[in-house]
């Protein structure tokens, strides 16, 4: 398992969904190596979070859990060595 896994999490309505997203991040916190949160000053209700994840089966479970939340979209990039 020698991969860099980057997950982009786009939250359409932060106020409505951020608590649920944070609960999933807390549940799978040991899999998150780096977290970067960004939001647009023009439309502060939307947000983007970039995660560098561990290369483990639990990372797939976390992605599935986040995708199950309404108003949240995930994209994954995998860089293999």
PDB file of N, CA and C in Angstrom:
ATOM      1  N   UNK A   1       0.846  -1.185   0.000  1.00  0.00           N
ATOM      2  CA  UNK A   1       0.000   0.000   0.000  1.00  0.00           C
ATOM      3  C   UNK A   1       0.883   1.238   0.000  1.00  0.00           C
ATOM      4  N   UNK A   2       1.199   1.684  -1.187  1.00  0.00           N
ATOM      5  CA  UNK A   2       2.073   2.841  -1.307  1.00  0.00           C
ATOM      6  C   UNK A   2       1.427   3.867  -2.226  1.00  0.00           C
ATOM      7  N   UNK A   3       0.366   4.500  -1.747  1.00  0.00           N
ATOM      8  CA  UNK A   3      -0.392   5.455  -2.545  1.00  0.00           C
ATOM      9  C   UNK A   3      -0.586   6.749  -1.767  1.00  0.00           C
ATOM     10  N   UNK A   4      -0.703   7.837  -2.515  1.00  0.00           N
ATOM     11  CA  UNK A   4      -1.167   9.099  -1.945  1.00  0.00           C
ATOM     12  C   UNK A   4      -2.633   9.220  -2.346  1.00  0.00           C
ATOM     13  N   UNK A   5      -3.515   9.345  -1.374  1.00  0.00           N
ATOM     14  CA  UNK A   5      -4.946   9.452  -1.636  1.00  0.00           C
ATOM     15  C   UNK A   5      -5.404  10.830  -1.188  1.00  0.00           C
ATOM     16  N   UNK A   6      -5.939  11.596  -2.145  1.00  0.00           N
ATOM     17  CA  UNK A   6      -6.467  12.929  -1.869  1.00  0.00           C
ATOM     18  C   UNK A   6      -7.974  12.889  -2.102  1.00  0.00           C
ATOM     19  N   UNK A   7      -8.728  13.352  -1.127  1.00  0.00           N
ATOM     20  CA  UNK A   7     -10.181  13.382  -1.233  1.00  0.00           C
ATOM     21  C   UNK A   7     -10.640  14.827  -1.135  1.00  0.00           C
ATOM     22  N   UNK A   8     -11.396  15.266  -2.127  1.00  0.00           N
ATOM     23  CA  UNK A   8     -12.029  16.578  -2.095  1.00  0.00           C
ATOM     24  C   UNK A   8     -13.475  16.418  -1.659  1.00  0.00           C
ATOM     25  N   UNK A   9     -13.878  17.168  -0.657  1.00  0.00           N
ATOM     26  CA  UNK A   9     -15.250  17.109  -0.141  1.00  0.00           C
ATOM     27  C   UNK A   9     -15.879  18.482  -0.342  1.00  0.00           C
ATOM     28  N   UNK A  10     -16.886  18.551  -1.214  1.00  0.00           N
ATOM     29  CA  UNK A  10     -17.590  19.807  -1.480  1.00  0.00           C
ATOM     30  C   UNK A  10     -18.912  19.784  -0.718  1.00  0.00           C
ATOM     31  N   UNK A  11     -19.090  20.760   0.158  1.00  0.00           N
ATOM     32  CA  UNK A  11     -20.311  20.862   0.963  1.00  0.00           C
ATOM     33  C   UNK A  11     -21.127  22.026   0.416  1.00  0.00           C
ATOM     34  N   UNK A  12     -22.326  21.729  -0.073  1.00  0.00           N
ATOM     35  CA  UNK A  12     -23.149  22.753  -0.710  1.00  0.00           C
ATOM     36  C   UNK A  12     -23.720  23.729   0.310  1.00  0.00           C
ATOM     37  N   UNK A  13     -24.177  23.257   1.430  1.00  0.00           N
ATOM     38  CA  UNK A  13     -24.747  24.118   2.468  1.00  0.00           C
ATOM     39  C   UNK A  13     -24.053  23.771   3.783  1.00  0.00           C
ATOM     40  N   UNK A  14     -22.972  24.497   4.082  1.00  0.00           N
ATOM     41  CA  UNK A  14     -22.162  24.171   5.265  1.00  0.00           C
ATOM     42  C   UNK A  14     -22.980  24.181   6.542  1.00  0.00           C
ATOM     43  N   UNK A  15     -23.860  25.145   6.647  1.00  0.00           N
ATOM     44  CA  UNK A  15     -24.645  25.273   7.878  1.00  0.00           C
ATOM     45  C   UNK A  15     -25.514  24.038   8.128  1.00  0.00           C
ATOM     46  N   UNK A  16     -26.040  23.458   7.054  1.00  0.00           N
ATOM     47  CA  UNK A  16     -26.931  22.305   7.193  1.00  0.00           C
ATOM     48  C   UNK A  16     -26.187  20.981   7.322  1.00  0.00           C
ATOM     49  N   UNK A  17     -24.978  20.880   6.730  1.00  0.00           N
ATOM     50  CA  UNK A  17     -24.334  19.571   6.626  1.00  0.00           C
ATOM     51  C   UNK A  17     -22.994  19.443   7.344  1.00  0.00           C
ATOM     52  N   UNK A  18     -22.408  20.532   7.774  1.00  0.00           N
ATOM     53  CA  UNK A  18     -21.054  20.487   8.342  1.00  0.00           C
ATOM     54  C   UNK A  18     -20.963  19.612   9.593  1.00  0.00           C
ATOM     55  N   UNK A  19     -21.980  19.614  10.420  1.00  0.00           N
ATOM     56  CA  UNK A  19     -21.937  18.819  11.657  1.00  0.00           C
ATOM     57  C   UNK A  19     -21.879  17.325  11.325  1.00  0.00           C
ATOM     58  N   UNK A  20     -22.661  16.894  10.335  1.00  0.00           N
ATOM     59  CA  UNK A  20     -22.646  15.485   9.935  1.00  0.00           C
ATOM     60  C   UNK A  20     -21.302  15.108   9.321  1.00  0.00           C
ATOM     61  N   UNK A  21     -20.768  15.986   8.474  1.00  0.00           N
ATOM     62  CA  UNK A  21     -19.466  15.726   7.853  1.00  0.00           C
ATOM     63  C   UNK A  21     -18.391  15.638   8.930  1.00  0.00           C
ATOM     64  N   UNK A  22     -18.415  16.564   9.880  1.00  0.00           N
ATOM     65  CA  UNK A  22     -17.424  16.554  10.956  1.00  0.00           C
ATOM     66  C   UNK A  22     -17.516  15.281  11.790  1.00  0.00           C
ATOM     67  N   UNK A  23     -18.722  14.783  12.012  1.00  0.00           N
ATOM     68  CA  UNK A  23     -18.885  13.543  12.777  1.00  0.00           C
ATOM     69  C   UNK A  23     -18.215  12.366  12.063  1.00  0.00           C
ATOM     70  N   UNK A  24     -18.331  12.318  10.739  1.00  0.00           N
ATOM     71  CA  UNK A  24     -17.667  11.254   9.973  1.00  0.00           C
ATOM     72  C   UNK A  24     -16.158  11.423  10.052  1.00  0.00           C
ATOM     73  N   UNK A  25     -15.674  12.671   9.902  1.00  0.00           N
ATOM     74  CA  UNK A  25     -14.233  12.920  10.003  1.00  0.00           C
ATOM     75  C   UNK A  25     -13.696  12.502  11.376  1.00  0.00           C
ATOM     76  N   UNK A  26     -14.458  12.752  12.419  1.00  0.00           N
ATOM     77  CA  UNK A  26     -14.038  12.366  13.767  1.00  0.00           C
ATOM     78  C   UNK A  26     -13.997  10.844  13.903  1.00  0.00           C
ATOM     79  N   UNK A  27     -15.001  10.183  13.366  1.00  0.00           N
ATOM     80  CA  UNK A  27     -15.067   8.721  13.430  1.00  0.00           C
ATOM     81  C   UNK A  27     -13.859   8.077  12.746  1.00  0.00           C
ATOM     82  N   UNK A  28     -13.411   8.673  11.628  1.00  0.00           N
ATOM     83  CA  UNK A  28     -12.306   8.105  10.853  1.00  0.00           C
ATOM     84  C   UNK A  28     -11.045   8.963  10.968  1.00  0.00           C
ATOM     85  N   UNK A  29     -10.917   9.684  12.060  1.00  0.00           N
ATOM     86  CA  UNK A  29      -9.824  10.640  12.232  1.00  0.00           C
ATOM     87  C   UNK A  29      -8.433  10.060  12.094  1.00  0.00           C
ATOM     88  N   UNK A  30      -8.250   8.810  12.470  1.00  0.00           N
ATOM     89  CA  UNK A  30      -6.919   8.197  12.377  1.00  0.00           C
ATOM     90  C   UNK A  30      -6.485   7.987  10.931  1.00  0.00           C
ATOM     91  N   UNK A  31      -7.424   8.043   9.999  1.00  0.00           N
ATOM     92  CA  UNK A  31      -7.102   7.850   8.580  1.00  0.00           C
ATOM     93  C   UNK A  31      -6.722   9.163   7.895  1.00  0.00           C
ATOM     94  N   UNK A  32      -7.020  10.296   8.533  1.00  0.00           N
ATOM     95  CA  UNK A  32      -6.767  11.606   7.930  1.00  0.00           C
ATOM     96  C   UNK A  32      -5.364  12.062   8.299  1.00  0.00           C
ATOM     97  N   UNK A  33      -4.509  12.214   7.282  1.00  0.00           N
ATOM     98  CA  UNK A  33      -3.141  12.689   7.508  1.00  0.00           C
ATOM     99  C   UNK A  33      -3.092  14.211   7.499  1.00  0.00           C
ATOM    100  N   UNK A  34      -3.784  14.823   6.526  1.00  0.00           N
ATOM    101  CA  UNK A  34      -3.774  16.278   6.367  1.00  0.00           C
ATOM    102  C   UNK A  34      -5.181  16.737   6.020  1.00  0.00           C
ATOM    103  N   UNK A  35      -5.583  17.872   6.576  1.00  0.00           N
ATOM    104  CA  UNK A  35      -6.906  18.437   6.283  1.00  0.00           C
ATOM    105  C   UNK A  35      -6.749  19.921   5.994  1.00  0.00           C
ATOM    106  N   UNK A  36      -7.359  20.358   4.889  1.00  0.00           N
ATOM    107  CA  UNK A  36      -7.323  21.764   4.503  1.00  0.00           C
ATOM    108  C   UNK A  36      -8.740  22.196   4.166  1.00  0.00           C
ATOM    109  N   UNK A  37      -9.276  23.142   4.918  1.00  0.00           N
ATOM    110  CA  UNK A  37     -10.623  23.635   4.674  1.00  0.00           C
ATOM    111  C   UNK A  37     -10.598  24.977   3.974  1.00  0.00           C
ATOM    112  N   UNK A  38     -11.432  25.115   2.945  1.00  0.00           N
ATOM    113  CA  UNK A  38     -11.509  26.371   2.188  1.00  0.00           C
ATOM    114  C   UNK A  38     -12.978  26.724   1.977  1.00  0.00           C
ATOM    115  N   UNK A  39     -13.263  27.999   1.994  1.00  0.00           N
ATOM    116  CA  UNK A  39     -14.600  28.437   1.607  1.00  0.00           C
ATOM    117  C   UNK A  39     -14.475  29.743   0.853  1.00  0.00           C
ATOM    118  N   UNK A  40     -15.461  29.988   0.020  1.00  0.00           N
ATOM    119  CA  UNK A  40     -15.466  31.159  -0.845  1.00  0.00           C
ATOM    120  C   UNK A  40     -16.052  32.346  -0.083  1.00  0.00           C
ATOM    121  N   UNK A  41     -15.369  33.483  -0.108  1.00  0.00           N
ATOM    122  CA  UNK A  41     -15.889  34.680   0.561  1.00  0.00           C
ATOM    123  C   UNK A  41     -17.173  35.175  -0.089  1.00  0.00           C
ATOM    124  N   UNK A  42     -17.328  34.915  -1.386  1.00  0.00           N
ATOM    125  CA  UNK A  42     -18.512  35.377  -2.113  1.00  0.00           C
ATOM    126  C   UNK A  42     -19.735  34.543  -1.737  1.00  0.00           C
ATOM    127  N   UNK A  43     -19.543  33.267  -1.572  1.00  0.00           N
ATOM    128  CA  UNK A  43     -20.648  32.357  -1.240  1.00  0.00           C
ATOM    129  C   UNK A  43     -20.243  31.514  -0.030  1.00  0.00           C
ATOM    130  N   UNK A  44     -20.251  32.112   1.161  1.00  0.00           N
ATOM    131  CA  UNK A  44     -19.708  31.416   2.334  1.00  0.00           C
ATOM    132  C   UNK A  44     -20.501  30.190   2.779  1.00  0.00           C
ATOM    133  N   UNK A  45     -21.669  29.953   2.195  1.00  0.00           N
ATOM    134  CA  UNK A  45     -22.417  28.767   2.612  1.00  0.00           C
ATOM    135  C   UNK A  45     -21.856  27.491   1.993  1.00  0.00           C
ATOM    136  N   UNK A  46     -21.061  27.628   0.923  1.00  0.00           N
ATOM    137  CA  UNK A  46     -20.422  26.470   0.296  1.00  0.00           C
ATOM    138  C   UNK A  46     -19.015  26.315   0.837  1.00  0.00           C
ATOM    139  N   UNK A  47     -18.533  25.083   0.868  1.00  0.00           N
ATOM    140  CA  UNK A  47     -17.183  24.854   1.358  1.00  0.00           C
ATOM    141  C   UNK A  47     -16.518  23.692   0.653  1.00  0.00           C
ATOM    142  N   UNK A  48     -15.199  23.712   0.656  1.00  0.00           N
ATOM    143  CA  UNK A  48     -14.403  22.640   0.079  1.00  0.00           C
ATOM    144  C   UNK A  48     -13.357  22.217   1.098  1.00  0.00           C
ATOM    145  N   UNK A  49     -13.258  20.930   1.330  1.00  0.00           N
ATOM    146  CA  UNK A  49     -12.265  20.378   2.245  1.00  0.00           C
ATOM    147  C   UNK A  49     -11.408  19.399   1.457  1.00  0.00           C
ATOM    148  N   UNK A  50     -10.098  19.550   1.556  1.00  0.00           N
ATOM    149  CA  UNK A  50      -9.169  18.613   0.938  1.00  0.00           C
ATOM    150  C   UNK A  50      -8.539  17.767   2.031  1.00  0.00           C
ATOM    151  N   UNK A  51      -8.541  16.462   1.823  1.00  0.00           N
ATOM    152  CA  UNK A  51      -7.998  15.525   2.798  1.00  0.00           C
ATOM    153  C   UNK A  51      -6.919  14.671   2.150  1.00  0.00           C
ATOM    154  N   UNK A  52      -5.806  14.514   2.848  1.00  0.00           N
ATOM    155  CA  UNK A  52      -4.831  13.492   2.473  1.00  0.00           C
ATOM    156  C   UNK A  52      -5.117  12.312   3.392  1.00  0.00           C
ATOM    157  N   UNK A  53      -5.380  11.153   2.789  1.00  0.00           N
ATOM    158  CA  UNK A  53      -5.842  10.001   3.547  1.00  0.00           C
ATOM    159  C   UNK A  53      -4.809   8.887   3.581  1.00  0.00           C
ATOM    160  N   UNK A  54      -4.891   8.072   4.620  1.00  0.00           N
ATOM    161  CA  UNK A  54      -4.080   6.859   4.716  1.00  0.00           C
ATOM    162  C   UNK A  54      -4.595   5.847   3.694  1.00  0.00           C
ATOM    163  N   UNK A  55      -3.710   5.006   3.216  1.00  0.00           N
ATOM    164  CA  UNK A  55      -4.068   3.971   2.245  1.00  0.00           C
ATOM    165  C   UNK A  55      -4.537   2.726   2.995  1.00  0.00           C
ATOM    166  N   UNK A  56      -5.787   2.785   3.487  1.00  0.00           N
ATOM    167  CA  UNK A  56      -6.351   1.688   4.277  1.00  0.00           C
ATOM    168  C   UNK A  56      -7.793   1.426   3.837  1.00  0.00           C
ATOM    169  N   UNK A  57      -8.332   0.263   4.158  1.00  0.00           N
ATOM    170  CA  UNK A  57      -9.741  -0.016   3.852  1.00  0.00           C
ATOM    171  C   UNK A  57     -10.691   0.963   4.545  1.00  0.00           C
ATOM    172  N   UNK A  58     -10.304   1.464   5.717  1.00  0.00           N
ATOM    173  CA  UNK A  58     -11.156   2.403   6.440  1.00  0.00           C
ATOM    174  C   UNK A  58     -11.348   3.707   5.665  1.00  0.00           C
ATOM    175  N   UNK A  59     -10.373   4.080   4.853  1.00  0.00           N
ATOM    176  CA  UNK A  59     -10.514   5.289   4.040  1.00  0.00           C
ATOM    177  C   UNK A  59     -11.681   5.140   3.077  1.00  0.00           C
ATOM    178  N   UNK A  60     -11.829   3.978   2.462  1.00  0.00           N
ATOM    179  CA  UNK A  60     -12.970   3.730   1.573  1.00  0.00           C
ATOM    180  C   UNK A  60     -14.285   3.828   2.340  1.00  0.00           C
ATOM    181  N   UNK A  61     -14.302   3.320   3.557  1.00  0.00           N
ATOM    182  CA  UNK A  61     -15.503   3.403   4.393  1.00  0.00           C
ATOM    183  C   UNK A  61     -15.844   4.854   4.708  1.00  0.00           C
ATOM    184  N   UNK A  62     -14.819   5.677   4.985  1.00  0.00           N
ATOM    185  CA  UNK A  62     -15.053   7.083   5.284  1.00  0.00           C
ATOM    186  C   UNK A  62     -15.637   7.798   4.071  1.00  0.00           C
ATOM    187  N   UNK A  63     -15.081   7.536   2.891  1.00  0.00           N
ATOM    188  CA  UNK A  63     -15.576   8.171   1.672  1.00  0.00           C
ATOM    189  C   UNK A  63     -17.038   7.797   1.450  1.00  0.00           C
ATOM    190  N   UNK A  64     -17.384   6.537   1.620  1.00  0.00           N
ATOM    191  CA  UNK A  64     -18.772   6.096   1.465  1.00  0.00           C
ATOM    192  C   UNK A  64     -19.689   6.784   2.472  1.00  0.00           C
ATOM    193  N   UNK A  65     -19.237   6.934   3.702  1.00  0.00           N
ATOM    194  CA  UNK A  65     -20.049   7.584   4.734  1.00  0.00           C
ATOM    195  C   UNK A  65     -20.279   9.056   4.413  1.00  0.00           C
ATOM    196  N   UNK A  66     -19.246   9.737   3.916  1.00  0.00           N
ATOM    197  CA  UNK A  66     -19.400  11.153   3.557  1.00  0.00           C
ATOM    198  C   UNK A  66     -20.331  11.290   2.358  1.00  0.00           C
ATOM    199  N   UNK A  67     -20.186  10.419   1.364  1.00  0.00           N
ATOM    200  CA  UNK A  67     -21.033  10.491   0.175  1.00  0.00           C
ATOM    201  C   UNK A  67     -22.497  10.221   0.492  1.00  0.00           C
ATOM    202  N   UNK A  68     -22.771   9.525   1.574  1.00  0.00           N
ATOM    203  CA  UNK A  68     -24.150   9.231   1.965  1.00  0.00           C
ATOM    204  C   UNK A  68     -24.862  10.446   2.557  1.00  0.00           C
ATOM    205  N   UNK A  69     -24.114  11.499   2.878  1.00  0.00           N
ATOM    206  CA  UNK A  69     -24.702  12.715   3.438  1.00  0.00           C
ATOM    207  C   UNK A  69     -25.237  13.560   2.289  1.00  0.00           C
ATOM    208  N   UNK A  70     -26.489  13.968   2.370  1.00  0.00           N
ATOM    209  CA  UNK A  70     -27.069  14.822   1.340  1.00  0.00           C
ATOM    210  C   UNK A  70     -26.376  16.171   1.294  1.00  0.00           C
ATOM    211  N   UNK A  71     -26.232  16.733   0.090  1.00  0.00           N
ATOM    212  CA  UNK A  71     -25.609  18.042  -0.048  1.00  0.00           C
ATOM    213  C   UNK A  71     -24.097  18.011  -0.013  1.00  0.00           C
ATOM    214  N   UNK A  72     -23.516  16.813  -0.101  1.00  0.00           N
ATOM    215  CA  UNK A  72     -22.063  16.665  -0.047  1.00  0.00           C
ATOM    216  C   UNK A  72     -21.618  15.832  -1.245  1.00  0.00           C
ATOM    217  N   UNK A  73     -20.555  16.282  -1.902  1.00  0.00           N
ATOM    218  CA  UNK A  73     -20.005  15.572  -3.052  1.00  0.00           C
ATOM    219  C   UNK A  73     -18.531  15.289  -2.788  1.00  0.00           C
ATOM    220  N   UNK A  74     -18.077  14.088  -3.114  1.00  0.00           N
ATOM    221  CA  UNK A  74     -16.672  13.700  -2.926  1.00  0.00           C
ATOM    222  C   UNK A  74     -16.040  13.347  -4.261  1.00  0.00           C
ATOM    223  N   UNK A  75     -14.798  13.737  -4.409  1.00  0.00           N
ATOM    224  CA  UNK A  75     -13.967  13.328  -5.539  1.00  0.00           C
ATOM    225  C   UNK A  75     -12.660  12.811  -4.960  1.00  0.00           C
ATOM    226  N   UNK A  76     -12.142  11.751  -5.554  1.00  0.00           N
ATOM    227  CA  UNK A  76     -10.923  11.132  -5.048  1.00  0.00           C
ATOM    228  C   UNK A  76      -9.855  11.096  -6.128  1.00  0.00           C
ATOM    229  N   UNK A  77      -8.628  11.426  -5.739  1.00  0.00           N
ATOM    230  CA  UNK A  77      -7.460  11.281  -6.607  1.00  0.00           C
ATOM    231  C   UNK A  77      -6.518  10.300  -5.930  1.00  0.00           C
ATOM    232  N   UNK A  78      -5.989   9.360  -6.703  1.00  0.00           N
ATOM    233  CA  UNK A  78      -5.045   8.382  -6.167  1.00  0.00           C
ATOM    234  C   UNK A  78      -3.774   8.440  -7.002  1.00  0.00           C
ATOM    235  N   UNK A  79      -2.662   8.684  -6.331  1.00  0.00           N
ATOM    236  CA  UNK A  79      -1.355   8.720  -6.969  1.00  0.00           C
ATOM    237  C   UNK A  79      -0.578   7.499  -6.502  1.00  0.00           C
ATOM    238  N   UNK A  80      -0.209   6.641  -7.445  1.00  0.00           N
ATOM    239  CA  UNK A  80       0.527   5.428  -7.103  1.00  0.00           C
ATOM    240  C   UNK A  80       2.002   5.612  -7.409  1.00  0.00           C
ATOM    241  N   UNK A  81       2.831   4.938  -6.635  1.00  0.00           N
ATOM    242  CA  UNK A  81       4.280   5.017  -6.829  1.00  0.00           C
ATOM    243  C   UNK A  81       4.756   3.785  -7.554  1.00  0.00           C
TER     244      UNK A  81
END
